[in-house]
Amino acid sequence: QSFKMALAGRVDYVLYEVLQGQVKLD
């Protein structure tokens, strides 16, 4: 939901761990 909000321009950034972010986005 956080990443979708960022793509939609509702937030400017997402705070998330580097490892988990890379894996989740992939």
PDB file of all heavy atoms in Angstrom:
ATOM      1  N   GLN A   1       0.831  -1.205   0.000  1.00  0.00           N
ATOM      2  CA  GLN A   1       0.000   0.000   0.000  1.00  0.00           C
ATOM      3  C   GLN A   1       0.863   1.251   0.000  1.00  0.00           C
ATOM      4  O   GLN A   1       0.570   2.220  -0.706  1.00  0.00           O
ATOM      5  CB  GLN A   1      -0.927  -0.008   1.215  1.00  0.00           C
ATOM      6  CG  GLN A   1      -1.903   1.173   1.266  1.00  0.00           C
ATOM      7  CD  GLN A   1      -2.824   1.089   2.477  1.00  0.00           C
ATOM      8  OE1 GLN A   1      -2.897   0.070   3.169  1.00  0.00           O
ATOM      9  NE2 GLN A   1      -3.531   2.176   2.758  1.00  0.00           N
ATOM     10  N   SER A   2       1.945   1.232   0.776  1.00  0.00           N
ATOM     11  CA  SER A   2       2.850   2.387   0.805  1.00  0.00           C
ATOM     12  C   SER A   2       3.453   2.656  -0.570  1.00  0.00           C
ATOM     13  O   SER A   2       3.496   3.804  -1.043  1.00  0.00           O
ATOM     14  CB  SER A   2       3.977   2.153   1.820  1.00  0.00           C
ATOM     15  OG  SER A   2       3.508   2.214   3.144  1.00  0.00           O
ATOM     16  N   PHE A   3       3.933   1.598  -1.233  1.00  0.00           N
ATOM     17  CA  PHE A   3       4.545   1.772  -2.551  1.00  0.00           C
ATOM     18  C   PHE A   3       3.508   2.243  -3.578  1.00  0.00           C
ATOM     19  O   PHE A   3       3.807   3.077  -4.444  1.00  0.00           O
ATOM     20  CB  PHE A   3       5.201   0.473  -3.003  1.00  0.00           C
ATOM     21  CG  PHE A   3       6.509   0.180  -2.314  1.00  0.00           C
ATOM     22  CD1 PHE A   3       6.694  -1.007  -1.613  1.00  0.00           C
ATOM     23  CD2 PHE A   3       7.553   1.091  -2.372  1.00  0.00           C
ATOM     24  CE1 PHE A   3       7.899  -1.274  -0.977  1.00  0.00           C
ATOM     25  CE2 PHE A   3       8.761   0.833  -1.741  1.00  0.00           C
ATOM     26  CZ  PHE A   3       8.942  -0.348  -1.038  1.00  0.00           C
ATOM     27  N   LYS A   4       2.281   1.742  -3.494  1.00  0.00           N
ATOM     28  CA  LYS A   4       1.231   2.189  -4.409  1.00  0.00           C
ATOM     29  C   LYS A   4       0.891   3.661  -4.168  1.00  0.00           C
ATOM     30  O   LYS A   4       0.623   4.416  -5.117  1.00  0.00           O
ATOM     31  CB  LYS A   4      -0.016   1.321  -4.228  1.00  0.00           C
ATOM     32  CG  LYS A   4       0.145  -0.097  -4.761  1.00  0.00           C
ATOM     33  CD  LYS A   4      -1.081  -0.956  -4.476  1.00  0.00           C
ATOM     34  CE  LYS A   4      -0.888  -2.377  -4.978  1.00  0.00           C
ATOM     35  NZ  LYS A   4      -2.067  -3.251  -4.648  1.00  0.00           N
ATOM     36  N   MET A   5       0.879   4.073  -2.902  1.00  0.00           N
ATOM     37  CA  MET A   5       0.625   5.477  -2.590  1.00  0.00           C
ATOM     38  C   MET A   5       1.704   6.370  -3.187  1.00  0.00           C
ATOM     39  O   MET A   5       1.413   7.463  -3.690  1.00  0.00           O
ATOM     40  CB  MET A   5       0.549   5.666  -1.073  1.00  0.00           C
ATOM     41  CG  MET A   5      -0.682   5.050  -0.433  1.00  0.00           C
ATOM     42  SD  MET A   5      -0.571   4.940   1.372  1.00  0.00           S
ATOM     43  CE  MET A   5      -0.495   6.670   1.842  1.00  0.00           C
ATOM     44  N   ALA A   6       2.955   5.897  -3.151  1.00  0.00           N
ATOM     45  CA  ALA A   6       4.054   6.674  -3.721  1.00  0.00           C
ATOM     46  C   ALA A   6       3.925   6.766  -5.240  1.00  0.00           C
ATOM     47  O   ALA A   6       4.133   7.836  -5.836  1.00  0.00           O
ATOM     48  CB  ALA A   6       5.392   6.047  -3.343  1.00  0.00           C
ATOM     49  N   LEU A   7       3.552   5.670  -5.892  1.00  0.00           N
ATOM     50  CA  LEU A   7       3.378   5.685  -7.346  1.00  0.00           C
ATOM     51  C   LEU A   7       2.224   6.600  -7.760  1.00  0.00           C
ATOM     52  O   LEU A   7       2.270   7.216  -8.832  1.00  0.00           O
ATOM     53  CB  LEU A   7       3.113   4.263  -7.850  1.00  0.00           C
ATOM     54  CG  LEU A   7       4.314   3.312  -7.873  1.00  0.00           C
ATOM     55  CD1 LEU A   7       3.875   1.903  -8.249  1.00  0.00           C
ATOM     56  CD2 LEU A   7       5.384   3.812  -8.842  1.00  0.00           C
ATOM     57  N   ALA A   8       1.206   6.680  -6.897  1.00  0.00           N
ATOM     58  CA  ALA A   8       0.056   7.531  -7.198  1.00  0.00           C
ATOM     59  C   ALA A   8       0.284   8.989  -6.814  1.00  0.00           C
ATOM     60  O   ALA A   8      -0.584   9.841  -7.053  1.00  0.00           O
ATOM     61  CB  ALA A   8      -1.183   7.000  -6.472  1.00  0.00           C
ATOM     62  N   GLY A   9       1.436   9.301  -6.217  1.00  0.00           N
ATOM     63  CA  GLY A   9       1.745  10.667  -5.833  1.00  0.00           C
ATOM     64  C   GLY A   9       1.112  11.105  -4.529  1.00  0.00           C
ATOM     65  O   GLY A   9       1.131  12.293  -4.199  1.00  0.00           O
ATOM     66  N   ARG A  10       0.550  10.157  -3.779  1.00  0.00           N
ATOM     67  CA  ARG A  10      -0.083  10.515  -2.507  1.00  0.00           C
ATOM     68  C   ARG A  10       0.940  10.730  -1.403  1.00  0.00           C
ATOM     69  O   ARG A  10       0.660  11.412  -0.403  1.00  0.00           O
ATOM     70  CB  ARG A  10      -1.078   9.432  -2.093  1.00  0.00           C
ATOM     71  CG  ARG A  10      -2.302   9.349  -3.009  1.00  0.00           C
ATOM     72  CD  ARG A  10      -3.147   8.142  -2.670  1.00  0.00           C
ATOM     73  NE  ARG A  10      -3.512   8.105  -1.253  1.00  0.00           N
ATOM     74  CZ  ARG A  10      -4.027   7.030  -0.649  1.00  0.00           C
ATOM     75  NH1 ARG A  10      -4.217   5.909  -1.348  1.00  0.00           N
ATOM     76  NH2 ARG A  10      -4.345   7.077   0.623  1.00  0.00           N
ATOM     77  N   VAL A  11       2.116  10.120  -1.523  1.00  0.00           N
ATOM     78  CA  VAL A  11       3.229  10.373  -0.603  1.00  0.00           C
ATOM     79  C   VAL A  11       4.487  10.565  -1.440  1.00  0.00           C
ATOM     80  O   VAL A  11       4.552  10.148  -2.614  1.00  0.00           O
ATOM     81  CB  VAL A  11       3.437   9.225   0.414  1.00  0.00           C
ATOM     82  CG1 VAL A  11       2.240   9.083   1.327  1.00  0.00           C
ATOM     83  CG2 VAL A  11       3.749   7.914  -0.293  1.00  0.00           C
ATOM     84  N   ASP A  12       5.485  11.187  -0.843  1.00  0.00           N
ATOM     85  CA  ASP A  12       6.734  11.469  -1.556  1.00  0.00           C
ATOM     86  C   ASP A  12       7.758  10.349  -1.433  1.00  0.00           C
ATOM     87  O   ASP A  12       8.626  10.217  -2.303  1.00  0.00           O
ATOM     88  CB  ASP A  12       7.353  12.768  -1.021  1.00  0.00           C
ATOM     89  CG  ASP A  12       6.428  13.958  -1.188  1.00  0.00           C
ATOM     90  OD1 ASP A  12       6.011  14.215  -2.335  1.00  0.00           O
ATOM     91  OD2 ASP A  12       6.121  14.618  -0.176  1.00  0.00           O
ATOM     92  N   TYR A  13       7.661   9.560  -0.351  1.00  0.00           N
ATOM     93  CA  TYR A  13       8.657   8.517  -0.149  1.00  0.00           C
ATOM     94  C   TYR A  13       8.088   7.406   0.727  1.00  0.00           C
ATOM     95  O   TYR A  13       7.072   7.582   1.414  1.00  0.00           O
ATOM     96  CB  TYR A  13       9.929   9.085   0.479  1.00  0.00           C
ATOM     97  CG  TYR A  13       9.748   9.634   1.883  1.00  0.00           C
ATOM     98  CD1 TYR A  13       9.933   8.821   3.005  1.00  0.00           C
ATOM     99  CD2 TYR A  13       9.405  10.970   2.093  1.00  0.00           C
ATOM    100  CE1 TYR A  13       9.762   9.319   4.285  1.00  0.00           C
ATOM    101  CE2 TYR A  13       9.235  11.477   3.368  1.00  0.00           C
ATOM    102  CZ  TYR A  13       9.416  10.650   4.466  1.00  0.00           C
ATOM    103  OH  TYR A  13       9.248  11.132   5.739  1.00  0.00           O
ATOM    104  N   VAL A  14       8.760   6.270   0.691  1.00  0.00           N
ATOM    105  CA  VAL A  14       8.422   5.124   1.534  1.00  0.00           C
ATOM    106  C   VAL A  14       9.638   4.785   2.376  1.00  0.00           C
ATOM    107  O   VAL A  14      10.759   4.701   1.850  1.00  0.00           O
ATOM    108  CB  VAL A  14       8.023   3.896   0.682  1.00  0.00           C
ATOM    109  CG1 VAL A  14       7.774   2.671   1.573  1.00  0.00           C
ATOM    110  CG2 VAL A  14       6.794   4.210  -0.157  1.00  0.00           C
ATOM    111  N   LEU A  15       9.433   4.604   3.668  1.00  0.00           N
ATOM    112  CA  LEU A  15      10.513   4.160   4.555  1.00  0.00           C
ATOM    113  C   LEU A  15      10.433   2.650   4.692  1.00  0.00           C
ATOM    114  O   LEU A  15       9.414   2.108   5.141  1.00  0.00           O
ATOM    115  CB  LEU A  15      10.370   4.801   5.939  1.00  0.00           C
ATOM    116  CG  LEU A  15      10.929   6.197   6.135  1.00  0.00           C
ATOM    117  CD1 LEU A  15      10.659   6.654   7.554  1.00  0.00           C
ATOM    118  CD2 LEU A  15      12.422   6.249   5.844  1.00  0.00           C
ATOM    119  N   TYR A  16      11.518   1.985   4.312  1.00  0.00           N
ATOM    120  CA  TYR A  16      11.516   0.522   4.376  1.00  0.00           C
ATOM    121  C   TYR A  16      12.955   0.026   4.278  1.00  0.00           C
ATOM    122  O   TYR A  16      13.803   0.680   3.672  1.00  0.00           O
ATOM    123  CB  TYR A  16      10.682  -0.051   3.232  1.00  0.00           C
ATOM    124  CG  TYR A  16      10.165  -1.452   3.461  1.00  0.00           C
ATOM    125  CD1 TYR A  16       9.475  -1.782   4.618  1.00  0.00           C
ATOM    126  CD2 TYR A  16      10.339  -2.438   2.498  1.00  0.00           C
ATOM    127  CE1 TYR A  16       8.974  -3.056   4.810  1.00  0.00           C
ATOM    128  CE2 TYR A  16       9.840  -3.716   2.676  1.00  0.00           C
ATOM    129  CZ  TYR A  16       9.156  -4.030   3.841  1.00  0.00           C
ATOM    130  OH  TYR A  16       8.669  -5.287   4.039  1.00  0.00           O
ATOM    131  N   GLU A  17      13.205  -1.147   4.866  1.00  0.00           N
ATOM    132  CA  GLU A  17      14.559  -1.694   4.838  1.00  0.00           C
ATOM    133  C   GLU A  17      15.023  -1.950   3.410  1.00  0.00           C
ATOM    134  O   GLU A  17      14.223  -2.268   2.521  1.00  0.00           O
ATOM    135  CB  GLU A  17      14.622  -2.992   5.645  1.00  0.00           C
ATOM    136  CG  GLU A  17      14.568  -2.800   7.145  1.00  0.00           C
ATOM    137  CD  GLU A  17      13.178  -2.611   7.686  1.00  0.00           C
ATOM    138  OE1 GLU A  17      12.215  -2.597   6.895  1.00  0.00           O
ATOM    139  OE2 GLU A  17      13.036  -2.452   8.909  1.00  0.00           O
ATOM    140  N   VAL A  18      16.325  -1.831   3.180  1.00  0.00           N
ATOM    141  CA  VAL A  18      16.893  -1.992   1.846  1.00  0.00           C
ATOM    142  C   VAL A  18      16.669  -3.409   1.332  1.00  0.00           C
ATOM    143  O   VAL A  18      16.182  -3.618   0.212  1.00  0.00           O
ATOM    144  CB  VAL A  18      18.399  -1.649   1.851  1.00  0.00           C
ATOM    145  CG1 VAL A  18      19.023  -1.990   0.502  1.00  0.00           C
ATOM    146  CG2 VAL A  18      18.605  -0.170   2.172  1.00  0.00           C
ATOM    147  N   LEU A  19      17.041  -4.408   2.139  1.00  0.00           N
ATOM    148  CA  LEU A  19      16.900  -5.798   1.715  1.00  0.00           C
ATOM    149  C   LEU A  19      15.450  -6.130   1.406  1.00  0.00           C
ATOM    150  O   LEU A  19      15.126  -6.644   0.317  1.00  0.00           O
ATOM    151  CB  LEU A  19      17.428  -6.740   2.808  1.00  0.00           C
ATOM    152  CG  LEU A  19      17.146  -8.231   2.616  1.00  0.00           C
ATOM    153  CD1 LEU A  19      17.873  -8.762   1.384  1.00  0.00           C
ATOM    154  CD2 LEU A  19      17.561  -9.023   3.864  1.00  0.00           C
ATOM    155  N   GLN A  20      14.549  -5.855   2.327  1.00  0.00           N
ATOM    156  CA  GLN A  20      13.149  -6.202   2.139  1.00  0.00           C
ATOM    157  C   GLN A  20      12.531  -5.411   0.995  1.00  0.00           C
ATOM    158  O   GLN A  20      11.694  -5.933   0.253  1.00  0.00           O
ATOM    159  CB  GLN A  20      12.364  -5.962   3.431  1.00  0.00           C
ATOM    160  CG  GLN A  20      12.619  -6.980   4.508  1.00  0.00           C
ATOM    161  CD  GLN A  20      13.888  -6.692   5.294  1.00  0.00           C
ATOM    162  OE1 GLN A  20      14.682  -5.837   4.931  1.00  0.00           O
ATOM    163  NE2 GLN A  20      14.070  -7.408   6.382  1.00  0.00           N
ATOM    164  N   GLY A  21      12.932  -4.149   0.838  1.00  0.00           N
ATOM    165  CA  GLY A  21      12.405  -3.341  -0.248  1.00  0.00           C
ATOM    166  C   GLY A  21      12.791  -3.890  -1.610  1.00  0.00           C
ATOM    167  O   GLY A  21      11.953  -3.976  -2.521  1.00  0.00           O
ATOM    168  N   GLN A  22      14.053  -4.265  -1.761  1.00  0.00           N
ATOM    169  CA  GLN A  22      14.503  -4.824  -3.034  1.00  0.00           C
ATOM    170  C   GLN A  22      13.738  -6.099  -3.375  1.00  0.00           C
ATOM    171  O   GLN A  22      13.290  -6.287  -4.511  1.00  0.00           O
ATOM    172  CB  GLN A  22      16.003  -5.113  -2.958  1.00  0.00           C
ATOM    173  CG  GLN A  22      16.869  -3.870  -2.901  1.00  0.00           C
ATOM    174  CD  GLN A  22      18.318  -4.176  -2.569  1.00  0.00           C
ATOM    175  OE1 GLN A  22      18.638  -5.231  -2.007  1.00  0.00           O
ATOM    176  NE2 GLN A  22      19.201  -3.253  -2.923  1.00  0.00           N
ATOM    177  N   VAL A  23      13.592  -6.975  -2.378  1.00  0.00           N
ATOM    178  CA  VAL A  23      12.915  -8.248  -2.608  1.00  0.00           C
ATOM    179  C   VAL A  23      11.430  -8.033  -2.887  1.00  0.00           C
ATOM    180  O   VAL A  23      10.858  -8.624  -3.812  1.00  0.00           O
ATOM    181  CB  VAL A  23      13.112  -9.178  -1.393  1.00  0.00           C
ATOM    182  CG1 VAL A  23      12.259 -10.426  -1.515  1.00  0.00           C
ATOM    183  CG2 VAL A  23      14.583  -9.566  -1.252  1.00  0.00           C
ATOM    184  N   LYS A  24      10.782  -7.182  -2.092  1.00  0.00           N
ATOM    185  CA  LYS A  24       9.350  -6.943  -2.255  1.00  0.00           C
ATOM    186  C   LYS A  24       9.048  -6.295  -3.614  1.00  0.00           C
ATOM    187  O   LYS A  24       8.118  -6.720  -4.324  1.00  0.00           O
ATOM    188  CB  LYS A  24       8.844  -6.054  -1.126  1.00  0.00           C
ATOM    189  CG  LYS A  24       7.370  -5.721  -1.182  1.00  0.00           C
ATOM    190  CD  LYS A  24       6.494  -6.906  -0.899  1.00  0.00           C
ATOM    191  CE  LYS A  24       6.420  -7.245   0.554  1.00  0.00           C
ATOM    192  NZ  LYS A  24       5.386  -8.270   0.855  1.00  0.00           N
ATOM    193  N   LEU A  25       9.815  -5.289  -4.004  1.00  0.00           N
ATOM    194  CA  LEU A  25       9.576  -4.606  -5.277  1.00  0.00           C
ATOM    195  C   LEU A  25       9.844  -5.519  -6.465  1.00  0.00           C
ATOM    196  O   LEU A  25       9.127  -5.463  -7.476  1.00  0.00           O
ATOM    197  CB  LEU A  25      10.453  -3.349  -5.367  1.00  0.00           C
ATOM    198  CG  LEU A  25      10.052  -2.202  -4.435  1.00  0.00           C
ATOM    199  CD1 LEU A  25      11.120  -1.129  -4.419  1.00  0.00           C
ATOM    200  CD2 LEU A  25       8.710  -1.612  -4.858  1.00  0.00           C
ATOM    201  N   ASP A  26      10.861  -6.369  -6.342  1.00  0.00           N
ATOM    202  CA  ASP A  26      11.149  -7.318  -7.411  1.00  0.00           C
ATOM    203  C   ASP A  26       9.988  -8.288  -7.585  1.00  0.00           C
ATOM    204  O   ASP A  26       9.570  -8.594  -8.709  1.00  0.00           O
ATOM    205  CB  ASP A  26      12.441  -8.079  -7.111  1.00  0.00           C
ATOM    206  CG  ASP A  26      12.852  -8.995  -8.251  1.00  0.00           C
ATOM    207  OD1 ASP A  26      13.211  -8.480  -9.322  1.00  0.00           O
ATOM    208  OD2 ASP A  26      12.804 -10.228  -8.064  1.00  0.00           O
TER     209      ASP A  26
END
